[in-house]
Amino acid sequence: MFENVPYNLDIINTGSTFAEYGFDYRYFIGKNGYNFAKSPQSLAQDQRNICEYLHHFQQSCVIVLSICPLAFCVDEYLNTISTRTFFAVKCLWYGAYKLRSMIKAEKTPEQSAMTRVKGWMNEFGLMNMTSQKPTETLQEIFSKTSVTLRKMLNLCVANGLRPIICCMPASNAETKLLSDSFKHDFFDINVKAANDINAPVFDYFKDSRFQDVALYVNGADCLNDAGRRRFASVIIKDLKSIKVW
């Protein structure tokens, strides 16, 4: 899946669209890093990637487990005709979305953010992302995906790696569409349930330093170069503060 993955990595990240755009290791000066994020990508695939590339990591490599607010809603993309077709269509949709996002004049940040939110609502059967509570089906999926995160954390510790849980930032055009209670029910509770090793949690989703739409390619959640530079500066400072950098 990944080409030319270097060895002796000091830091890597997992994740999906947010992290794919968010991490640029050119700005992590003096460190050998690699971005394993792809869009779309499940937590289960993140776990497989870590297992497959363990031999590429330095002892004490920092593993940034990038998890977006809706990541716990996806258990796995099963290898069946229907799910392969769904996955292919979703990949094409994301590809088209990225292309549209790069043409800034096509949509305002508010329109782009609404497109993202409506996509999640359609995918996960949500009525809204403010007062919506997890459905029984989603609760069942949460019980699986939180276990997947717990396994990833324990895998890292067992191999002498240093895991960090990270919720990537989004602009105010997008964050205002997700209530704090929604994020608590869909993200925070699941992180807490999985994090029995008390790994550090860096939550940048509504961080005031990243609310400006000008930091994003799409004005919503795909950081541009200026955004990636700022993000690198912030997360490096935070890693230093907990003495893992």
C-alpha atoms as a PDB file:
ATOM      1  CA  MET A   1       0.000   0.000   0.000  1.00  0.00           C
ATOM      2  CA  PHE A   2       2.863   2.368   0.805  1.00  0.00           C
ATOM      3  CA  GLU A   3       5.937   2.895  -1.324  1.00  0.00           C
ATOM      4  CA  ASN A   4       9.515   3.685  -0.344  1.00  0.00           C
ATOM      5  CA  VAL A   5       8.859   3.616   3.392  1.00  0.00           C
ATOM      6  CA  PRO A   6      12.180   4.528   5.047  1.00  0.00           C
ATOM      7  CA  TYR A   7      13.749   2.651   7.941  1.00  0.00           C
ATOM      8  CA  ASN A   8      14.778   3.992  11.353  1.00  0.00           C
ATOM      9  CA  LEU A   9      11.681   6.160  11.602  1.00  0.00           C
ATOM     10  CA  ASP A  10      11.526   8.511  14.601  1.00  0.00           C
ATOM     11  CA  ILE A  11       7.855   9.438  14.197  1.00  0.00           C
ATOM     12  CA  ILE A  12       4.914   8.256  12.107  1.00  0.00           C
ATOM     13  CA  ASN A  13       1.198   8.966  11.982  1.00  0.00           C
ATOM     14  CA  THR A  14      -1.853   6.939  11.107  1.00  0.00           C
ATOM     15  CA  GLY A  15      -5.236   8.292  10.070  1.00  0.00           C
ATOM     16  CA  SER A  16      -7.471   9.310   7.218  1.00  0.00           C
ATOM     17  CA  THR A  17      -8.161  12.551   5.322  1.00  0.00           C
ATOM     18  CA  PHE A  18      -7.439  14.990   8.181  1.00  0.00           C
ATOM     19  CA  ALA A  19      -4.004  13.475   8.820  1.00  0.00           C
ATOM     20  CA  GLU A  20      -3.174  12.825   5.179  1.00  0.00           C
ATOM     21  CA  TYR A  21      -3.300  16.575   4.630  1.00  0.00           C
ATOM     22  CA  GLY A  22      -2.097  17.522   8.107  1.00  0.00           C
ATOM     23  CA  PHE A  23       1.327  15.905   8.457  1.00  0.00           C
ATOM     24  CA  ASP A  24       4.306  17.088   6.416  1.00  0.00           C
ATOM     25  CA  TYR A  25       7.558  15.763   7.866  1.00  0.00           C
ATOM     26  CA  ARG A  26       9.666  18.308   6.017  1.00  0.00           C
ATOM     27  CA  TYR A  27       8.706  20.587   8.914  1.00  0.00           C
ATOM     28  CA  PHE A  28       9.764  18.108  11.617  1.00  0.00           C
ATOM     29  CA  ILE A  29      13.387  19.190  11.396  1.00  0.00           C
ATOM     30  CA  GLY A  30      15.947  16.593  12.397  1.00  0.00           C
ATOM     31  CA  LYS A  31      13.426  13.747  12.578  1.00  0.00           C
ATOM     32  CA  ASN A  32      12.795  10.882  10.193  1.00  0.00           C
ATOM     33  CA  GLY A  33       9.031  10.667   9.756  1.00  0.00           C
ATOM     34  CA  TYR A  34       6.405   9.066   7.527  1.00  0.00           C
ATOM     35  CA  ASN A  35       2.721   9.767   6.910  1.00  0.00           C
ATOM     36  CA  PHE A  36       0.713   6.521   6.846  1.00  0.00           C
ATOM     37  CA  ALA A  37      -2.648   8.301   6.537  1.00  0.00           C
ATOM     38  CA  LYS A  38      -4.868   7.564   3.547  1.00  0.00           C
ATOM     39  CA  SER A  39      -8.413   8.608   2.805  1.00  0.00           C
ATOM     40  CA  PRO A  40     -10.579   6.818   3.606  1.00  0.00           C
ATOM     41  CA  GLN A  41      -8.959   4.487   6.140  1.00  0.00           C
ATOM     42  CA  SER A  42     -10.346   2.590   9.124  1.00  0.00           C
ATOM     43  CA  LEU A  43      -8.748   2.093  12.539  1.00  0.00           C
ATOM     44  CA  ALA A  44      -8.458  -1.593  11.685  1.00  0.00           C
ATOM     45  CA  GLN A  45      -6.351  -0.717   8.637  1.00  0.00           C
ATOM     46  CA  ASP A  46      -4.237   1.598  10.788  1.00  0.00           C
ATOM     47  CA  GLN A  47      -3.532  -1.358  13.078  1.00  0.00           C
ATOM     48  CA  ARG A  48      -2.527  -3.569  10.145  1.00  0.00           C
ATOM     49  CA  ASN A  49      -0.209  -0.849   8.845  1.00  0.00           C
ATOM     50  CA  ILE A  50       1.568  -0.572  12.200  1.00  0.00           C
ATOM     51  CA  CYS A  51       2.019  -4.352  12.328  1.00  0.00           C
ATOM     52  CA  GLU A  52       3.293  -4.537   8.751  1.00  0.00           C
ATOM     53  CA  TYR A  53       5.845  -1.745   9.135  1.00  0.00           C
ATOM     54  CA  LEU A  54       7.020  -2.352  12.710  1.00  0.00           C
ATOM     55  CA  HIS A  55      10.493  -3.193  11.460  1.00  0.00           C
ATOM     56  CA  HIS A  56      10.760   0.299   9.944  1.00  0.00           C
ATOM     57  CA  PHE A  57      10.430   2.015  13.335  1.00  0.00           C
ATOM     58  CA  GLN A  58      13.223   3.069  15.652  1.00  0.00           C
ATOM     59  CA  GLN A  59      13.023   1.929  19.243  1.00  0.00           C
ATOM     60  CA  SER A  60      10.892   4.560  21.043  1.00  0.00           C
ATOM     61  CA  CYS A  61       9.425   5.796  17.741  1.00  0.00           C
ATOM     62  CA  VAL A  62       6.547   8.216  18.345  1.00  0.00           C
ATOM     63  CA  ILE A  63       3.310   6.774  16.919  1.00  0.00           C
ATOM     64  CA  VAL A  64       0.679   9.499  16.403  1.00  0.00           C
ATOM     65  CA  LEU A  65      -2.662   7.713  16.224  1.00  0.00           C
ATOM     66  CA  SER A  66      -4.691  10.308  14.339  1.00  0.00           C
ATOM     67  CA  ILE A  67      -8.388   9.784  14.970  1.00  0.00           C
ATOM     68  CA  CYS A  68     -11.102  12.056  13.594  1.00  0.00           C
ATOM     69  CA  PRO A  69     -14.403  12.580  15.479  1.00  0.00           C
ATOM     70  CA  LEU A  70     -16.207  10.000  13.296  1.00  0.00           C
ATOM     71  CA  ALA A  71     -13.430   7.394  13.141  1.00  0.00           C
ATOM     72  CA  PHE A  72     -15.111   5.080  15.650  1.00  0.00           C
ATOM     73  CA  CYS A  73     -18.133   4.757  13.336  1.00  0.00           C
ATOM     74  CA  VAL A  74     -16.224   2.530  10.881  1.00  0.00           C
ATOM     75  CA  ASP A  75     -15.324  -0.979  11.961  1.00  0.00           C
ATOM     76  CA  GLU A  76     -13.947  -2.426   8.743  1.00  0.00           C
ATOM     77  CA  TYR A  77     -14.366  -2.354   4.987  1.00  0.00           C
ATOM     78  CA  LEU A  78     -15.055  -6.055   4.439  1.00  0.00           C
ATOM     79  CA  ASN A  79     -13.690  -7.868   1.415  1.00  0.00           C
ATOM     80  CA  THR A  80     -16.998  -8.564  -0.314  1.00  0.00           C
ATOM     81  CA  ILE A  81     -18.298  -7.437  -3.681  1.00  0.00           C
ATOM     82  CA  SER A  82     -20.743  -4.976  -2.123  1.00  0.00           C
ATOM     83  CA  THR A  83     -18.248  -3.469   0.276  1.00  0.00           C
ATOM     84  CA  ARG A  84     -15.454  -3.412  -2.320  1.00  0.00           C
ATOM     85  CA  THR A  85     -17.840  -1.550  -4.610  1.00  0.00           C
ATOM     86  CA  PHE A  86     -18.762   0.850  -1.793  1.00  0.00           C
ATOM     87  CA  PHE A  87     -15.101   1.390  -0.938  1.00  0.00           C
ATOM     88  CA  ALA A  88     -14.195   2.027  -4.586  1.00  0.00           C
ATOM     89  CA  VAL A  89     -17.030   4.513  -4.965  1.00  0.00           C
ATOM     90  CA  LYS A  90     -16.040   6.224  -1.717  1.00  0.00           C
ATOM     91  CA  CYS A  91     -12.414   6.457  -2.872  1.00  0.00           C
ATOM     92  CA  LEU A  92     -13.578   8.011  -6.122  1.00  0.00           C
ATOM     93  CA  TRP A  93     -15.783  10.416  -4.168  1.00  0.00           C
ATOM     94  CA  TYR A  94     -12.860  11.431  -1.971  1.00  0.00           C
ATOM     95  CA  GLY A  95     -10.671  11.871  -5.041  1.00  0.00           C
ATOM     96  CA  ALA A  96     -13.260  14.100  -6.650  1.00  0.00           C
ATOM     97  CA  TYR A  97     -13.720  15.938  -3.361  1.00  0.00           C
ATOM     98  CA  LYS A  98      -9.990  16.612  -3.113  1.00  0.00           C
ATOM     99  CA  LEU A  99      -9.924  17.920  -6.662  1.00  0.00           C
ATOM    100  CA  ARG A 100     -12.885  20.181  -5.989  1.00  0.00           C
ATOM    101  CA  SER A 101     -11.311  21.332  -2.746  1.00  0.00           C
ATOM    102  CA  MET A 102      -8.213  22.495  -4.564  1.00  0.00           C
ATOM    103  CA  ILE A 103     -10.284  24.811  -6.714  1.00  0.00           C
ATOM    104  CA  LYS A 104     -10.958  27.354  -4.001  1.00  0.00           C
ATOM    105  CA  ALA A 105     -13.373  29.489  -5.986  1.00  0.00           C
ATOM    106  CA  GLU A 106     -15.757  26.574  -6.414  1.00  0.00           C
ATOM    107  CA  LYS A 107     -17.083  26.592  -2.839  1.00  0.00           C
ATOM    108  CA  THR A 108     -17.029  28.819   0.190  1.00  0.00           C
ATOM    109  CA  PRO A 109     -15.548  27.318   3.391  1.00  0.00           C
ATOM    110  CA  GLU A 110     -19.069  27.056   4.805  1.00  0.00           C
ATOM    111  CA  GLN A 111     -20.282  25.138   1.750  1.00  0.00           C
ATOM    112  CA  SER A 112     -17.251  22.878   1.826  1.00  0.00           C
ATOM    113  CA  ALA A 113     -17.724  22.144   5.539  1.00  0.00           C
ATOM    114  CA  MET A 114     -21.415  21.420   5.006  1.00  0.00           C
ATOM    115  CA  THR A 115     -20.533  19.003   2.195  1.00  0.00           C
ATOM    116  CA  ARG A 116     -18.229  17.140   4.564  1.00  0.00           C
ATOM    117  CA  VAL A 117     -20.811  17.003   7.341  1.00  0.00           C
ATOM    118  CA  LYS A 118     -23.610  15.883   5.017  1.00  0.00           C
ATOM    119  CA  GLY A 119     -21.329  13.151   3.697  1.00  0.00           C
ATOM    120  CA  TRP A 120     -20.759  11.818   7.214  1.00  0.00           C
ATOM    121  CA  MET A 121     -24.464  12.055   8.026  1.00  0.00           C
ATOM    122  CA  ASN A 122     -25.361  10.048   4.921  1.00  0.00           C
ATOM    123  CA  GLU A 123     -22.641   7.460   5.520  1.00  0.00           C
ATOM    124  CA  PHE A 124     -23.498   6.821   9.163  1.00  0.00           C
ATOM    125  CA  GLY A 125     -27.262   7.386   9.098  1.00  0.00           C
ATOM    126  CA  LEU A 126     -27.252  10.544  11.209  1.00  0.00           C
ATOM    127  CA  MET A 127     -29.994  13.174  11.329  1.00  0.00           C
ATOM    128  CA  ASN A 128     -27.606  15.883  12.530  1.00  0.00           C
ATOM    129  CA  MET A 129     -24.281  16.349  14.300  1.00  0.00           C
ATOM    130  CA  THR A 130     -25.483  18.505  17.153  1.00  0.00           C
ATOM    131  CA  SER A 131     -28.128  16.663  19.164  1.00  0.00           C
ATOM    132  CA  GLN A 132     -27.769  13.213  17.555  1.00  0.00           C
ATOM    133  CA  LYS A 133     -27.087  10.325  19.917  1.00  0.00           C
ATOM    134  CA  PRO A 134     -25.326   7.139  18.754  1.00  0.00           C
ATOM    135  CA  THR A 135     -27.768   4.584  17.361  1.00  0.00           C
ATOM    136  CA  GLU A 136     -27.791   1.023  18.635  1.00  0.00           C
ATOM    137  CA  THR A 137     -25.942  -0.045  15.483  1.00  0.00           C
ATOM    138  CA  LEU A 138     -23.243   2.563  16.045  1.00  0.00           C
ATOM    139  CA  GLN A 139     -22.928   1.570  19.697  1.00  0.00           C
ATOM    140  CA  GLU A 140     -22.158  -1.964  18.562  1.00  0.00           C
ATOM    141  CA  ILE A 141     -19.536  -0.649  16.152  1.00  0.00           C
ATOM    142  CA  PHE A 142     -18.044   1.546  18.905  1.00  0.00           C
ATOM    143  CA  SER A 143     -17.544  -1.556  21.057  1.00  0.00           C
ATOM    144  CA  LYS A 144     -15.387  -3.019  18.269  1.00  0.00           C
ATOM    145  CA  THR A 145     -13.478   0.099  17.193  1.00  0.00           C
ATOM    146  CA  SER A 146     -12.589   1.090  20.749  1.00  0.00           C
ATOM    147  CA  VAL A 147     -11.101  -2.386  21.177  1.00  0.00           C
ATOM    148  CA  THR A 148      -9.124  -1.852  17.967  1.00  0.00           C
ATOM    149  CA  LEU A 149      -7.666   1.357  19.384  1.00  0.00           C
ATOM    150  CA  ARG A 150      -6.848  -0.396  22.670  1.00  0.00           C
ATOM    151  CA  LYS A 151      -5.029  -3.131  20.743  1.00  0.00           C
ATOM    152  CA  MET A 152      -3.022  -0.523  18.800  1.00  0.00           C
ATOM    153  CA  LEU A 153      -2.005   1.227  22.002  1.00  0.00           C
ATOM    154  CA  ASN A 154      -0.954  -2.039  23.636  1.00  0.00           C
ATOM    155  CA  LEU A 155       0.876  -3.111  20.473  1.00  0.00           C
ATOM    156  CA  CYS A 156       2.896   0.096  20.582  1.00  0.00           C
ATOM    157  CA  VAL A 157       3.808  -0.316  24.245  1.00  0.00           C
ATOM    158  CA  ALA A 158       4.726  -3.977  23.776  1.00  0.00           C
ATOM    159  CA  ASN A 159       7.182  -2.981  21.043  1.00  0.00           C
ATOM    160  CA  GLY A 160       8.788  -0.101  22.914  1.00  0.00           C
ATOM    161  CA  LEU A 161       6.999   2.570  20.868  1.00  0.00           C
ATOM    162  CA  ARG A 162       5.433   5.769  22.225  1.00  0.00           C
ATOM    163  CA  PRO A 163       1.778   6.184  21.177  1.00  0.00           C
ATOM    164  CA  ILE A 164      -0.015   9.531  21.118  1.00  0.00           C
ATOM    165  CA  ILE A 165      -3.741   9.899  20.400  1.00  0.00           C
ATOM    166  CA  CYS A 166      -4.387  12.941  18.223  1.00  0.00           C
ATOM    167  CA  CYS A 167      -7.615  14.554  17.040  1.00  0.00           C
ATOM    168  CA  MET A 168      -6.681  16.737  14.084  1.00  0.00           C
ATOM    169  CA  PRO A 169      -7.859  20.362  13.735  1.00  0.00           C
ATOM    170  CA  ALA A 170     -10.647  21.774  11.617  1.00  0.00           C
ATOM    171  CA  SER A 171     -11.715  25.324  10.798  1.00  0.00           C
ATOM    172  CA  ASN A 172     -14.520  27.197  12.496  1.00  0.00           C
ATOM    173  CA  ALA A 173     -16.612  26.656   9.349  1.00  0.00           C
ATOM    174  CA  GLU A 174     -16.679  22.953  10.228  1.00  0.00           C
ATOM    175  CA  THR A 175     -16.319  22.836  14.014  1.00  0.00           C
ATOM    176  CA  LYS A 176     -19.417  24.983  14.505  1.00  0.00           C
ATOM    177  CA  LEU A 177     -21.447  22.239  12.804  1.00  0.00           C
ATOM    178  CA  LEU A 178     -20.460  19.647  15.434  1.00  0.00           C
ATOM    179  CA  SER A 179     -21.606  20.235  18.989  1.00  0.00           C
ATOM    180  CA  ASP A 180     -19.407  19.469  21.987  1.00  0.00           C
ATOM    181  CA  SER A 181     -21.948  16.903  23.179  1.00  0.00           C
ATOM    182  CA  PHE A 182     -21.880  15.150  19.784  1.00  0.00           C
ATOM    183  CA  LYS A 183     -18.078  14.937  19.826  1.00  0.00           C
ATOM    184  CA  HIS A 184     -18.212  13.691  23.416  1.00  0.00           C
ATOM    185  CA  ASP A 185     -20.627  10.872  22.528  1.00  0.00           C
ATOM    186  CA  PHE A 186     -18.921   9.843  19.286  1.00  0.00           C
ATOM    187  CA  PHE A 187     -15.242  10.465  20.076  1.00  0.00           C
ATOM    188  CA  ASP A 188     -14.281  11.334  23.660  1.00  0.00           C
ATOM    189  CA  ILE A 189     -16.119   8.440  25.333  1.00  0.00           C
ATOM    190  CA  ASN A 190     -14.561   5.923  22.946  1.00  0.00           C
ATOM    191  CA  VAL A 191     -11.052   7.271  23.441  1.00  0.00           C
ATOM    192  CA  LYS A 192     -11.483   7.047  27.199  1.00  0.00           C
ATOM    193  CA  ALA A 193     -12.791   3.483  26.948  1.00  0.00           C
ATOM    194  CA  ALA A 194      -9.820   2.391  24.837  1.00  0.00           C
ATOM    195  CA  ASN A 195      -7.017   4.296  26.521  1.00  0.00           C
ATOM    196  CA  ASP A 196      -6.278   2.012  29.448  1.00  0.00           C
ATOM    197  CA  ILE A 197      -2.542   2.787  29.183  1.00  0.00           C
ATOM    198  CA  ASN A 198      -3.211   6.524  29.660  1.00  0.00           C
ATOM    199  CA  ALA A 199      -1.489   7.547  26.431  1.00  0.00           C
ATOM    200  CA  PRO A 200      -1.310  11.332  25.933  1.00  0.00           C
ATOM    201  CA  VAL A 201      -4.264  12.796  24.038  1.00  0.00           C
ATOM    202  CA  PHE A 202      -3.736  15.886  21.863  1.00  0.00           C
ATOM    203  CA  ASP A 203      -7.135  17.278  20.892  1.00  0.00           C
ATOM    204  CA  TYR A 204      -6.776  20.034  18.297  1.00  0.00           C
ATOM    205  CA  PHE A 205     -10.231  19.757  16.725  1.00  0.00           C
ATOM    206  CA  LYS A 206     -11.538  23.089  18.054  1.00  0.00           C
ATOM    207  CA  ASP A 207      -8.141  24.547  18.925  1.00  0.00           C
ATOM    208  CA  SER A 208      -8.271  28.324  18.474  1.00  0.00           C
ATOM    209  CA  ARG A 209      -4.891  28.280  16.694  1.00  0.00           C
ATOM    210  CA  PHE A 210      -6.431  26.368  13.788  1.00  0.00           C
ATOM    211  CA  GLN A 211      -9.891  27.917  13.413  1.00  0.00           C
ATOM    212  CA  ASP A 212      -8.930  30.253  10.544  1.00  0.00           C
ATOM    213  CA  VAL A 213     -10.340  28.973   7.230  1.00  0.00           C
ATOM    214  CA  ALA A 214      -7.248  30.376   5.463  1.00  0.00           C
ATOM    215  CA  LEU A 215      -5.200  27.488   6.911  1.00  0.00           C
ATOM    216  CA  TYR A 216      -7.125  24.908   4.872  1.00  0.00           C
ATOM    217  CA  VAL A 217      -7.133  23.881   1.218  1.00  0.00           C
ATOM    218  CA  ASN A 218     -10.889  23.445   1.394  1.00  0.00           C
ATOM    219  CA  GLY A 219     -11.567  25.947   4.170  1.00  0.00           C
ATOM    220  CA  ALA A 220     -12.777  23.066   6.359  1.00  0.00           C
ATOM    221  CA  ASP A 221     -10.385  20.292   7.453  1.00  0.00           C
ATOM    222  CA  CYS A 222      -7.630  19.707   4.863  1.00  0.00           C
ATOM    223  CA  LEU A 223      -4.671  21.791   6.006  1.00  0.00           C
ATOM    224  CA  ASN A 224      -2.728  23.702   3.355  1.00  0.00           C
ATOM    225  CA  ASP A 225       1.014  24.348   3.482  1.00  0.00           C
ATOM    226  CA  ALA A 226       0.674  27.234   5.931  1.00  0.00           C
ATOM    227  CA  GLY A 227      -1.593  25.071   8.084  1.00  0.00           C
ATOM    228  CA  ARG A 228       0.806  22.140   7.992  1.00  0.00           C
ATOM    229  CA  ARG A 229       3.694  24.376   9.031  1.00  0.00           C
ATOM    230  CA  ARG A 230       1.697  25.693  11.978  1.00  0.00           C
ATOM    231  CA  PHE A 231       0.505  22.224  12.937  1.00  0.00           C
ATOM    232  CA  ALA A 232       4.066  20.855  12.900  1.00  0.00           C
ATOM    233  CA  SER A 233       5.225  23.701  15.141  1.00  0.00           C
ATOM    234  CA  VAL A 234       2.382  23.137  17.610  1.00  0.00           C
ATOM    235  CA  ILE A 235       2.581  19.359  17.875  1.00  0.00           C
ATOM    236  CA  ILE A 236       6.389  19.412  18.187  1.00  0.00           C
ATOM    237  CA  LYS A 237       6.059  21.845  21.078  1.00  0.00           C
ATOM    238  CA  ASP A 238       3.442  19.604  22.703  1.00  0.00           C
ATOM    239  CA  LEU A 239       5.593  16.491  22.215  1.00  0.00           C
ATOM    240  CA  LYS A 240       8.504  18.287  23.844  1.00  0.00           C
ATOM    241  CA  SER A 241       6.287  19.260  26.765  1.00  0.00           C
ATOM    242  CA  ILE A 242       5.712  15.574  27.587  1.00  0.00           C
ATOM    243  CA  LYS A 243       9.366  14.715  26.914  1.00  0.00           C
ATOM    244  CA  VAL A 244       8.905  12.421  23.936  1.00  0.00           C
ATOM    245  CA  TRP A 245      10.742  14.654  21.454  1.00  0.00           C
END
